[in-house]
Amino acid sequence: MAKKAIVLLAEGFEEVEAITPIDYLRRVGIELCTAAIGKDLAVKGSHDIVVMADALLGDLKNKGELVPSNWDAVIVPGGLPGSDNLGACKETGIFLKEMAEAGKFVCAICAAPARVLSPLGLLAGKQFTCYPGHEERVLAPDSASPGAQWKQNPVVVDGNIITSRGAGTAGEFSCVIICKLVNEDEAKNLAEKVLMACSFTACC
């Protein structure tokens, strides 16, 4: 049975960090759904690129489909104000916490680890990475994720939490997700096909 992943899109998302995993995961046969936060399937990114989502997050919830048993991974792109818009969405927070508690992969990149995952307590006691400077939010004394440990690696995996640094690491981020959902060989084959120069296998 094919693995299933969902990418959450809010206005102001970083396009590269969303489109790269959408593209790469679909190339290897992972069933991927893009879900828009709000009432419009058309979501404008932080650089004015509009993406048509497959579904509205609210509709998925109303149909009973926004449950961890339906998904193997959730992917949270960064970008501003996209990350803040996701962080402000109650449905997003509930779903991410349920996915984490169910042991499903929760994957976030750029500003999203600090602005979406950390306020939910999902980085507590975890090693993580994010866009430079945003780690200060996670490591602050009043953080909702005490004991978090910031790493400078392009991608960091700690249990079922996968984090990455930014648009330039989106390819590695995507390959690590593939490695975890499918296998390392599939991830390596894709990396070769797209001429990826960076290595991600240390995270597999």
Foldseek 3Di string as FASTA:
>chain_A
DAAEEEEEWEAAFDVLLRVLLVVLCVVLPHHYFYEYEDDAQWHAHNVRDTDRGPYHLVVCVVVVNLALVNHQEYEYTDGPPTLQVLQVDPSSLVSLVRNVVVQGAYEYEALNCLRHVFQSQNQALHEEEHAPPSVCSNDPPPTSRHNGHYDPDQWDDDRRYIYGYHSVSSLLSSLLVCCVRPRNVSSVVSCVVVVPPDDNVVSD
